[in-house]
Amino acid sequence: MILTNQKPLFKNSSDIEVRISDHHSFIVTALKSELVKGNAKTKIYRNYKSFDINNFQRDLNDELNENFVSGYSQFHNIFVKVLNDHAPLKKKLCALMIILS
């Protein structure tokens, strides 16, 4: 049994006998709805698929030894440069779907 106060939202309702007993049947229906594409968002993430911590640490240590670091911003720039080599940034487009009834 389906109880609703929104009868127009349901279509193609029917029952299927499952032959488990004399008085039980399986009821199926389709909900009328509309799929609307929302605004897509771009997500930026790092690809760690081939990241090796030992290689990263070695390359970071080499870069820090080659360059005189006098402040945080210089360290940050070197760190990000090495990190981009080992775990590059990637972009992914995430679509948003909205179901309207």
PDB file of N, CA and C in Angstrom:
ATOM      1  N   MET A   1       0.839  -1.156   0.000  1.00  0.00           N
ATOM      2  CA  MET A   1       0.000   0.000   0.000  1.00  0.00           C
ATOM      3  C   MET A   1       0.901   1.242   0.000  1.00  0.00           C
ATOM      4  N   ILE A   2       0.559   2.215  -0.822  1.00  0.00           N
ATOM      5  CA  ILE A   2       1.268   3.490  -0.866  1.00  0.00           C
ATOM      6  C   ILE A   2       0.286   4.567  -0.441  1.00  0.00           C
ATOM      7  N   LEU A   3       0.647   5.323   0.596  1.00  0.00           N
ATOM      8  CA  LEU A   3      -0.176   6.427   1.051  1.00  0.00           C
ATOM      9  C   LEU A   3       0.534   7.723   0.698  1.00  0.00           C
ATOM     10  N   THR A   4      -0.155   8.619   0.003  1.00  0.00           N
ATOM     11  CA  THR A   4       0.450   9.886  -0.387  1.00  0.00           C
ATOM     12  C   THR A   4      -0.620  10.954  -0.520  1.00  0.00           C
ATOM     13  N   ASN A   5      -0.209  12.200  -0.336  1.00  0.00           N
ATOM     14  CA  ASN A   5      -1.104  13.311  -0.611  1.00  0.00           C
ATOM     15  C   ASN A   5      -0.639  14.049  -1.877  1.00  0.00           C
ATOM     16  N   GLN A   6       0.320  13.463  -2.586  1.00  0.00           N
ATOM     17  CA  GLN A   6       0.863  14.037  -3.815  1.00  0.00           C
ATOM     18  C   GLN A   6       0.749  13.011  -4.952  1.00  0.00           C
ATOM     19  N   LYS A   7      -0.453  12.612  -5.282  1.00  0.00           N
ATOM     20  CA  LYS A   7      -0.673  11.585  -6.296  1.00  0.00           C
ATOM     21  C   LYS A   7      -0.033  11.910  -7.649  1.00  0.00           C
ATOM     22  N   PRO A   8      -0.015  13.184  -8.095  1.00  0.00           N
ATOM     23  CA  PRO A   8       0.601  13.464  -9.400  1.00  0.00           C
ATOM     24  C   PRO A   8       2.107  13.189  -9.463  1.00  0.00           C
ATOM     25  N   LEU A   9       2.771  13.054  -8.315  1.00  0.00           N
ATOM     26  CA  LEU A   9       4.207  12.786  -8.330  1.00  0.00           C
ATOM     27  C   LEU A   9       4.551  11.329  -8.644  1.00  0.00           C
ATOM     28  N   PHE A  10       3.576  10.447  -8.588  1.00  0.00           N
ATOM     29  CA  PHE A  10       3.830   9.032  -8.817  1.00  0.00           C
ATOM     30  C   PHE A  10       3.199   8.607 -10.131  1.00  0.00           C
ATOM     31  N   LYS A  11       3.920   7.763 -10.880  1.00  0.00           N
ATOM     32  CA  LYS A  11       3.387   7.284 -12.154  1.00  0.00           C
ATOM     33  C   LYS A  11       3.769   5.817 -12.317  1.00  0.00           C
ATOM     34  N   ASN A  12       3.053   5.143 -13.155  1.00  0.00           N
ATOM     35  CA  ASN A  12       3.314   3.742 -13.493  1.00  0.00           C
ATOM     36  C   ASN A  12       3.374   2.844 -12.257  1.00  0.00           C
ATOM     37  N   SER A  13       2.461   3.017 -11.333  1.00  0.00           N
ATOM     38  CA  SER A  13       2.415   2.164 -10.157  1.00  0.00           C
ATOM     39  C   SER A  13       1.773   0.837 -10.521  1.00  0.00           C
ATOM     40  N   SER A  14       2.329  -0.237  -9.992  1.00  0.00           N
ATOM     41  CA  SER A  14       1.734  -1.557 -10.229  1.00  0.00           C
ATOM     42  C   SER A  14       2.186  -2.504  -9.127  1.00  0.00           C
ATOM     43  N   ASP A  15       1.581  -3.666  -9.100  1.00  0.00           N
ATOM     44  CA  ASP A  15       1.980  -4.665  -8.116  1.00  0.00           C
ATOM     45  C   ASP A  15       2.416  -5.929  -8.847  1.00  0.00           C
ATOM     46  N   ILE A  16       3.338  -6.633  -8.211  1.00  0.00           N
ATOM     47  CA  ILE A  16       3.887  -7.862  -8.781  1.00  0.00           C
ATOM     48  C   ILE A  16       3.692  -8.960  -7.749  1.00  0.00           C
ATOM     49  N   GLU A  17       3.116 -10.069  -8.178  1.00  0.00           N
ATOM     50  CA  GLU A  17       2.956 -11.192  -7.257  1.00  0.00           C
ATOM     51  C   GLU A  17       4.295 -11.892  -7.098  1.00  0.00           C
ATOM     52  N   VAL A  18       4.709 -12.067  -5.859  1.00  0.00           N
ATOM     53  CA  VAL A  18       5.979 -12.728  -5.593  1.00  0.00           C
ATOM     54  C   VAL A  18       5.789 -14.185  -5.185  1.00  0.00           C
ATOM     55  N   ARG A  19       4.543 -14.619  -5.030  1.00  0.00           N
ATOM     56  CA  ARG A  19       4.144 -16.000  -4.726  1.00  0.00           C
ATOM     57  C   ARG A  19       4.747 -16.534  -3.419  1.00  0.00           C
ATOM     58  N   ILE A  20       5.010 -15.622  -2.483  1.00  0.00           N
ATOM     59  CA  ILE A  20       5.451 -16.061  -1.158  1.00  0.00           C
ATOM     60  C   ILE A  20       4.242 -16.510  -0.347  1.00  0.00           C
ATOM     61  N   SER A  21       3.133 -15.777  -0.514  1.00  0.00           N
ATOM     62  CA  SER A  21       1.890 -16.166   0.154  1.00  0.00           C
ATOM     63  C   SER A  21       0.724 -15.706  -0.713  1.00  0.00           C
ATOM     64  N   ASP A  22      -0.490 -15.995  -0.248  1.00  0.00           N
ATOM     65  CA  ASP A  22      -1.679 -15.654  -1.026  1.00  0.00           C
ATOM     66  C   ASP A  22      -1.979 -14.163  -1.026  1.00  0.00           C
ATOM     67  N   HIS A  23      -1.553 -13.440  -0.024  1.00  0.00           N
ATOM     68  CA  HIS A  23      -1.967 -12.049   0.121  1.00  0.00           C
ATOM     69  C   HIS A  23      -0.816 -11.040   0.130  1.00  0.00           C
ATOM     70  N   HIS A  24       0.379 -11.420  -0.259  1.00  0.00           N
ATOM     71  CA  HIS A  24       1.488 -10.473  -0.334  1.00  0.00           C
ATOM     72  C   HIS A  24       1.893 -10.266  -1.792  1.00  0.00           C
ATOM     73  N   SER A  25       2.086  -8.996  -2.150  1.00  0.00           N
ATOM     74  CA  SER A  25       2.609  -8.677  -3.475  1.00  0.00           C
ATOM     75  C   SER A  25       3.596  -7.533  -3.339  1.00  0.00           C
ATOM     76  N   PHE A  26       4.429  -7.392  -4.323  1.00  0.00           N
ATOM     77  CA  PHE A  26       5.460  -6.368  -4.340  1.00  0.00           C
ATOM     78  C   PHE A  26       4.925  -5.180  -5.132  1.00  0.00           C
ATOM     79  N   ILE A  27       4.948  -3.981  -4.531  1.00  0.00           N
ATOM     80  CA  ILE A  27       4.411  -2.788  -5.178  1.00  0.00           C
ATOM     81  C   ILE A  27       5.572  -1.938  -5.673  1.00  0.00           C
ATOM     82  N   VAL A  28       5.503  -1.526  -6.936  1.00  0.00           N
ATOM     83  CA  VAL A  28       6.530  -0.675  -7.529  1.00  0.00           C
ATOM     84  C   VAL A  28       5.877   0.584  -8.090  1.00  0.00           C
ATOM     85  N   THR A  29       6.613   1.677  -8.049  1.00  0.00           N
ATOM     86  CA  THR A  29       6.137   2.930  -8.615  1.00  0.00           C
ATOM     87  C   THR A  29       7.336   3.763  -9.047  1.00  0.00           C
ATOM     88  N   ALA A  30       7.094   4.711  -9.897  1.00  0.00           N
ATOM     89  CA  ALA A  30       8.146   5.626 -10.339  1.00  0.00           C
ATOM     90  C   ALA A  30       7.787   7.017  -9.868  1.00  0.00           C
ATOM     91  N   LEU A  31       8.758   7.689  -9.284  1.00  0.00           N
ATOM     92  CA  LEU A  31       8.561   9.044  -8.805  1.00  0.00           C
ATOM     93  C   LEU A  31       8.862  10.012  -9.945  1.00  0.00           C
ATOM     94  N   LYS A  32       7.915  10.883 -10.246  1.00  0.00           N
ATOM     95  CA  LYS A  32       8.153  11.891 -11.275  1.00  0.00           C
ATOM     96  C   LYS A  32       9.120  12.926 -10.718  1.00  0.00           C
ATOM     97  N   SER A  33      10.192  13.135 -11.421  1.00  0.00           N
ATOM     98  CA  SER A  33      11.161  14.124 -10.977  1.00  0.00           C
ATOM     99  C   SER A  33      11.911  14.660 -12.180  1.00  0.00           C
ATOM    100  N   GLU A  34      12.644  15.716 -11.948  1.00  0.00           N
ATOM    101  CA  GLU A  34      13.411  16.364 -12.999  1.00  0.00           C
ATOM    102  C   GLU A  34      14.837  16.544 -12.495  1.00  0.00           C
ATOM    103  N   LEU A  35      15.794  16.155 -13.293  1.00  0.00           N
ATOM    104  CA  LEU A  35      17.194  16.281 -12.933  1.00  0.00           C
ATOM    105  C   LEU A  35      17.733  17.550 -13.574  1.00  0.00           C
ATOM    106  N   VAL A  36      18.199  18.478 -12.722  1.00  0.00           N
ATOM    107  CA  VAL A  36      18.702  19.762 -13.191  1.00  0.00           C
ATOM    108  C   VAL A  36      20.193  19.849 -12.873  1.00  0.00           C
ATOM    109  N   LYS A  37      20.967  20.237 -13.868  1.00  0.00           N
ATOM    110  CA  LYS A  37      22.400  20.377 -13.654  1.00  0.00           C
ATOM    111  C   LYS A  37      22.665  21.693 -12.953  1.00  0.00           C
ATOM    112  N   GLY A  38      23.343  21.617 -11.813  1.00  0.00           N
ATOM    113  CA  GLY A  38      23.678  22.814 -11.051  1.00  0.00           C
ATOM    114  C   GLY A  38      25.020  23.380 -11.479  1.00  0.00           C
ATOM    115  N   ASN A  39      25.500  24.346 -10.759  1.00  0.00           N
ATOM    116  CA  ASN A  39      26.795  24.947 -11.046  1.00  0.00           C
ATOM    117  C   ASN A  39      27.908  23.960 -10.709  1.00  0.00           C
ATOM    118  N   ALA A  40      28.829  23.788 -11.637  1.00  0.00           N
ATOM    119  CA  ALA A  40      29.962  22.899 -11.413  1.00  0.00           C
ATOM    120  C   ALA A  40      31.032  23.640 -10.615  1.00  0.00           C
ATOM    121  N   LYS A  41      31.701  22.899  -9.760  1.00  0.00           N
ATOM    122  CA  LYS A  41      32.781  23.468  -8.955  1.00  0.00           C
ATOM    123  C   LYS A  41      34.081  22.783  -9.331  1.00  0.00           C
ATOM    124  N   THR A  42      35.158  23.542  -9.323  1.00  0.00           N
ATOM    125  CA  THR A  42      36.474  23.003  -9.601  1.00  0.00           C
ATOM    126  C   THR A  42      37.186  22.735  -8.284  1.00  0.00           C
ATOM    127  N   LYS A  43      37.612  21.494  -8.106  1.00  0.00           N
ATOM    128  CA  LYS A  43      38.363  21.135  -6.905  1.00  0.00           C
ATOM    129  C   LYS A  43      39.824  20.944  -7.302  1.00  0.00           C
ATOM    130  N   ILE A  44      40.704  21.510  -6.507  1.00  0.00           N
ATOM    131  CA  ILE A  44      42.141  21.381  -6.733  1.00  0.00           C
ATOM    132  C   ILE A  44      42.700  20.476  -5.636  1.00  0.00           C
ATOM    133  N   TYR A  45      43.487  19.489  -6.060  1.00  0.00           N
ATOM    134  CA  TYR A  45      44.055  18.546  -5.109  1.00  0.00           C
ATOM    135  C   TYR A  45      45.440  18.127  -5.571  1.00  0.00           C
ATOM    136  N   ARG A  46      46.170  17.476  -4.700  1.00  0.00           N
ATOM    137  CA  ARG A  46      47.503  16.976  -5.048  1.00  0.00           C
ATOM    138  C   ARG A  46      47.417  15.494  -5.395  1.00  0.00           C
ATOM    139  N   ASN A  47      48.181  15.119  -6.422  1.00  0.00           N
ATOM    140  CA  ASN A  47      48.228  13.727  -6.834  1.00  0.00           C
ATOM    141  C   ASN A  47      49.406  13.040  -6.140  1.00  0.00           C
ATOM    142  N   TYR A  48      49.095  12.207  -5.164  1.00  0.00           N
ATOM    143  CA  TYR A  48      50.119  11.481  -4.413  1.00  0.00           C
ATOM    144  C   TYR A  48      50.305  10.050  -4.928  1.00  0.00           C
ATOM    145  N   LYS A  49      49.845   9.786  -6.149  1.00  0.00           N
ATOM    146  CA  LYS A  49      49.886   8.430  -6.686  1.00  0.00           C
ATOM    147  C   LYS A  49      51.304   7.868  -6.725  1.00  0.00           C
ATOM    148  N   SER A  50      52.266   8.652  -7.161  1.00  0.00           N
ATOM    149  CA  SER A  50      53.643   8.148  -7.246  1.00  0.00           C
ATOM    150  C   SER A  50      54.569   8.849  -6.246  1.00  0.00           C
ATOM    151  N   PHE A  51      54.000   9.374  -5.178  1.00  0.00           N
ATOM    152  CA  PHE A  51      54.774  10.093  -4.164  1.00  0.00           C
ATOM    153  C   PHE A  51      55.633   9.121  -3.365  1.00  0.00           C
ATOM    154  N   ASP A  52      56.909   9.451  -3.219  1.00  0.00           N
ATOM    155  CA  ASP A  52      57.842   8.664  -2.394  1.00  0.00           C
ATOM    156  C   ASP A  52      58.458   9.618  -1.370  1.00  0.00           C
ATOM    157  N   ILE A  53      58.192   9.373  -0.111  1.00  0.00           N
ATOM    158  CA  ILE A  53      58.637  10.278   0.951  1.00  0.00           C
ATOM    159  C   ILE A  53      60.156  10.385   1.011  1.00  0.00           C
ATOM    160  N   ASN A  54      60.845   9.299   0.746  1.00  0.00           N
ATOM    161  CA  ASN A  54      62.319   9.327   0.804  1.00  0.00           C
ATOM    162  C   ASN A  54      62.899  10.209  -0.302  1.00  0.00           C
ATOM    163  N   ASN A  55      62.374  10.080  -1.510  1.00  0.00           N
ATOM    164  CA  ASN A  55      62.836  10.933  -2.611  1.00  0.00           C
ATOM    165  C   ASN A  55      62.497  12.397  -2.354  1.00  0.00           C
ATOM    166  N   PHE A  56      61.318  12.641  -1.817  1.00  0.00           N
ATOM    167  CA  PHE A  56      60.908  14.007  -1.502  1.00  0.00           C
ATOM    168  C   PHE A  56      61.848  14.636  -0.471  1.00  0.00           C
ATOM    169  N   GLN A  57      62.116  13.906   0.602  1.00  0.00           N
ATOM    170  CA  GLN A  57      62.997  14.422   1.655  1.00  0.00           C
ATOM    171  C   GLN A  57      64.407  14.677   1.129  1.00  0.00           C
ATOM    172  N   ARG A  58      64.898  13.769   0.277  1.00  0.00           N
ATOM    173  CA  ARG A  58      66.231  13.938  -0.290  1.00  0.00           C
ATOM    174  C   ARG A  58      66.296  15.197  -1.157  1.00  0.00           C
ATOM    175  N   ASP A  59      65.298  15.368  -2.058  1.00  0.00           N
ATOM    176  CA  ASP A  59      65.289  16.535  -2.940  1.00  0.00           C
ATOM    177  C   ASP A  59      65.091  17.829  -2.166  1.00  0.00           C
ATOM    178  N   LEU A  60      64.258  17.802  -1.135  1.00  0.00           N
ATOM    179  CA  LEU A  60      64.042  18.995  -0.309  1.00  0.00           C
ATOM    180  C   LEU A  60      65.339  19.361   0.431  1.00  0.00           C
ATOM    181  N   ASN A  61      66.009  18.377   0.965  1.00  0.00           N
ATOM    182  CA  ASN A  61      67.270  18.608   1.667  1.00  0.00           C
ATOM    183  C   ASN A  61      68.325  19.190   0.710  1.00  0.00           C
ATOM    184  N   ASP A  62      68.395  18.654  -0.510  1.00  0.00           N
ATOM    185  CA  ASP A  62      69.341  19.165  -1.507  1.00  0.00           C
ATOM    186  C   ASP A  62      69.048  20.632  -1.837  1.00  0.00           C
ATOM    187  N   GLU A  63      67.773  20.950  -2.057  1.00  0.00           N
ATOM    188  CA  GLU A  63      67.389  22.331  -2.386  1.00  0.00           C
ATOM    189  C   GLU A  63      67.698  23.284  -1.232  1.00  0.00           C
ATOM    190  N   LEU A  64      67.442  22.858  -0.007  1.00  0.00           N
ATOM    191  CA  LEU A  64      67.703  23.718   1.152  1.00  0.00           C
ATOM    192  C   LEU A  64      69.202  23.928   1.360  1.00  0.00           C
ATOM    193  N   ASN A  65      70.008  22.913   1.039  1.00  0.00           N
ATOM    194  CA  ASN A  65      71.463  23.050   1.166  1.00  0.00           C
ATOM    195  C   ASN A  65      72.044  23.953   0.079  1.00  0.00           C
ATOM    196  N   GLU A  66      71.415  23.964  -1.100  1.00  0.00           N
ATOM    197  CA  GLU A  66      71.911  24.793  -2.202  1.00  0.00           C
ATOM    198  C   GLU A  66      71.535  26.266  -2.043  1.00  0.00           C
ATOM    199  N   ASN A  67      70.465  26.552  -1.337  1.00  0.00           N
ATOM    200  CA  ASN A  67      69.955  27.923  -1.215  1.00  0.00           C
ATOM    201  C   ASN A  67      70.034  28.379   0.238  1.00  0.00           C
ATOM    202  N   PHE A  68      70.452  29.625   0.417  1.00  0.00           N
ATOM    203  CA  PHE A  68      70.460  30.219   1.748  1.00  0.00           C
ATOM    204  C   PHE A  68      69.033  30.646   2.085  1.00  0.00           C
ATOM    205  N   VAL A  69      68.498  30.107   3.173  1.00  0.00           N
ATOM    206  CA  VAL A  69      67.129  30.397   3.583  1.00  0.00           C
ATOM    207  C   VAL A  69      67.173  31.328   4.779  1.00  0.00           C
ATOM    208  N   SER A  70      66.649  32.564   4.571  1.00  0.00           N
ATOM    209  CA  SER A  70      66.703  33.540   5.660  1.00  0.00           C
ATOM    210  C   SER A  70      65.339  33.789   6.292  1.00  0.00           C
ATOM    211  N   GLY A  71      64.296  33.179   5.764  1.00  0.00           N
ATOM    212  CA  GLY A  71      62.977  33.412   6.334  1.00  0.00           C
ATOM    213  C   GLY A  71      61.988  32.340   5.913  1.00  0.00           C
ATOM    214  N   TYR A  72      60.816  32.417   6.511  1.00  0.00           N
ATOM    215  CA  TYR A  72      59.781  31.431   6.246  1.00  0.00           C
ATOM    216  C   TYR A  72      59.342  31.452   4.788  1.00  0.00           C
ATOM    217  N   SER A  73      59.174  32.619   4.194  1.00  0.00           N
ATOM    218  CA  SER A  73      58.666  32.698   2.816  1.00  0.00           C
ATOM    219  C   SER A  73      59.611  32.020   1.832  1.00  0.00           C
ATOM    220  N   GLN A  74      60.918  32.146   2.048  1.00  0.00           N
ATOM    221  CA  GLN A  74      61.872  31.453   1.178  1.00  0.00           C
ATOM    222  C   GLN A  74      61.772  29.941   1.364  1.00  0.00           C
ATOM    223  N   PHE A  75      61.662  29.492   2.624  1.00  0.00           N
ATOM    224  CA  PHE A  75      61.489  28.057   2.886  1.00  0.00           C
ATOM    225  C   PHE A  75      60.205  27.555   2.232  1.00  0.00           C
ATOM    226  N   HIS A  76      59.119  28.314   2.383  1.00  0.00           N
ATOM    227  CA  HIS A  76      57.833  27.925   1.815  1.00  0.00           C
ATOM    228  C   HIS A  76      57.935  27.773   0.303  1.00  0.00           C
ATOM    229  N   ASN A  77      58.561  28.714  -0.362  1.00  0.00           N
ATOM    230  CA  ASN A  77      58.701  28.649  -1.819  1.00  0.00           C
ATOM    231  C   ASN A  77      59.495  27.423  -2.262  1.00  0.00           C
ATOM    232  N   ILE A  78      60.576  27.122  -1.567  1.00  0.00           N
ATOM    233  CA  ILE A  78      61.381  25.940  -1.899  1.00  0.00           C
ATOM    234  C   ILE A  78      60.584  24.663  -1.628  1.00  0.00           C
ATOM    235  N   PHE A  79      59.899  24.618  -0.487  1.00  0.00           N
ATOM    236  CA  PHE A  79      59.102  23.442  -0.130  1.00  0.00           C
ATOM    237  C   PHE A  79      58.025  23.169  -1.176  1.00  0.00           C
ATOM    238  N   VAL A  80      57.298  24.220  -1.577  1.00  0.00           N
ATOM    239  CA  VAL A  80      56.217  24.052  -2.555  1.00  0.00           C
ATOM    240  C   VAL A  80      56.779  23.649  -3.913  1.00  0.00           C
ATOM    241  N   LYS A  81      57.914  24.208  -4.289  1.00  0.00           N
ATOM    242  CA  LYS A  81      58.545  23.853  -5.574  1.00  0.00           C
ATOM    243  C   LYS A  81      58.877  22.365  -5.611  1.00  0.00           C
ATOM    244  N   VAL A  82      59.495  21.857  -4.551  1.00  0.00           N
ATOM    245  CA  VAL A  82      59.845  20.436  -4.489  1.00  0.00           C
ATOM    246  C   VAL A  82      58.584  19.577  -4.407  1.00  0.00           C
ATOM    247  N   LEU A  83      57.608  20.012  -3.628  1.00  0.00           N
ATOM    248  CA  LEU A  83      56.356  19.270  -3.508  1.00  0.00           C
ATOM    249  C   LEU A  83      55.633  19.183  -4.846  1.00  0.00           C
ATOM    250  N   ASN A  84      55.653  20.261  -5.630  1.00  0.00           N
ATOM    251  CA  ASN A  84      55.013  20.244  -6.951  1.00  0.00           C
ATOM    252  C   ASN A  84      55.676  19.237  -7.885  1.00  0.00           C
ATOM    253  N   ASP A  85      56.973  19.014  -7.708  1.00  0.00           N
ATOM    254  CA  ASP A  85      57.661  18.009  -8.520  1.00  0.00           C
ATOM    255  C   ASP A  85      57.243  16.591  -8.138  1.00  0.00           C
ATOM    256  N   HIS A  86      57.002  16.359  -6.860  1.00  0.00           N
ATOM    257  CA  HIS A  86      56.706  15.002  -6.372  1.00  0.00           C
ATOM    258  C   HIS A  86      55.210  14.714  -6.250  1.00  0.00           C
ATOM    259  N   ALA A  87      54.408  15.730  -6.007  1.00  0.00           N
ATOM    260  CA  ALA A  87      52.948  15.566  -5.893  1.00  0.00           C
ATOM    261  C   ALA A  87      52.295  16.749  -6.596  1.00  0.00           C
ATOM    262  N   PRO A  88      52.183  16.676  -7.919  1.00  0.00           N
ATOM    263  CA  PRO A  88      51.666  17.821  -8.680  1.00  0.00           C
ATOM    264  C   PRO A  88      50.204  18.124  -8.369  1.00  0.00           C
ATOM    265  N   LEU A  89      49.850  19.395  -8.562  1.00  0.00           N
ATOM    266  CA  LEU A  89      48.460  19.815  -8.391  1.00  0.00           C
ATOM    267  C   LEU A  89      47.640  19.349  -9.582  1.00  0.00           C
ATOM    268  N   LYS A  90      46.416  18.921  -9.310  1.00  0.00           N
ATOM    269  CA  LYS A  90      45.488  18.514 -10.357  1.00  0.00           C
ATOM    270  C   LYS A  90      44.159  19.206 -10.101  1.00  0.00           C
ATOM    271  N   LYS A  91      43.373  19.339 -11.168  1.00  0.00           N
ATOM    272  CA  LYS A  91      42.042  19.937 -11.066  1.00  0.00           C
ATOM    273  C   LYS A  91      41.002  18.906 -11.469  1.00  0.00           C
ATOM    274  N   LYS A  92      39.864  18.963 -10.773  1.00  0.00           N
ATOM    275  CA  LYS A  92      38.761  18.071 -11.091  1.00  0.00           C
ATOM    276  C   LYS A  92      37.482  18.891 -11.079  1.00  0.00           C
ATOM    277  N   LEU A  93      36.670  18.727 -12.110  1.00  0.00           N
ATOM    278  CA  LEU A  93      35.395  19.428 -12.211  1.00  0.00           C
ATOM    279  C   LEU A  93      34.318  18.552 -11.593  1.00  0.00           C
ATOM    280  N   CYS A  94      33.655  19.057 -10.558  1.00  0.00           N
ATOM    281  CA  CYS A  94      32.605  18.321  -9.854  1.00  0.00           C
ATOM    282  C   CYS A  94      31.261  18.938 -10.190  1.00  0.00           C
ATOM    283  N   ALA A  95      30.436  18.175 -10.883  1.00  0.00           N
ATOM    284  CA  ALA A  95      29.111  18.656 -11.264  1.00  0.00           C
ATOM    285  C   ALA A  95      28.131  18.424 -10.122  1.00  0.00           C
ATOM    286  N   LEU A  96      27.216  19.337  -9.964  1.00  0.00           N
ATOM    287  CA  LEU A  96      26.194  19.250  -8.945  1.00  0.00           C
ATOM    288  C   LEU A  96      24.859  18.984  -9.632  1.00  0.00           C
ATOM    289  N   MET A  97      24.174  17.923  -9.238  1.00  0.00           N
ATOM    290  CA  MET A  97      22.874  17.599  -9.802  1.00  0.00           C
ATOM    291  C   MET A  97      21.803  17.806  -8.732  1.00  0.00           C
ATOM    292  N   ILE A  98      20.700  18.390  -9.131  1.00  0.00           N
ATOM    293  CA  ILE A  98      19.596  18.667  -8.228  1.00  0.00           C
ATOM    294  C   ILE A  98      18.357  17.954  -8.755  1.00  0.00           C
ATOM    295  N   ILE A  99      17.674  17.216  -7.880  1.00  0.00           N
ATOM    296  CA  ILE A  99      16.452  16.528  -8.273  1.00  0.00           C
ATOM    297  C   ILE A  99      15.272  17.373  -7.825  1.00  0.00           C
ATOM    298  N   LEU A 100      14.448  17.775  -8.779  1.00  0.00           N
ATOM    299  CA  LEU A 100      13.244  18.533  -8.497  1.00  0.00           C
ATOM    300  C   LEU A 100      12.042  17.635  -8.647  1.00  0.00           C
ATOM    301  N   SER A 101      11.161  17.691  -7.699  1.00  0.00           N
ATOM    302  CA  SER A 101       9.937  16.882  -7.777  1.00  0.00           C
ATOM    303  C   SER A 101       8.781  17.724  -8.243  1.00  0.00           C
TER     304      SER A 101
END
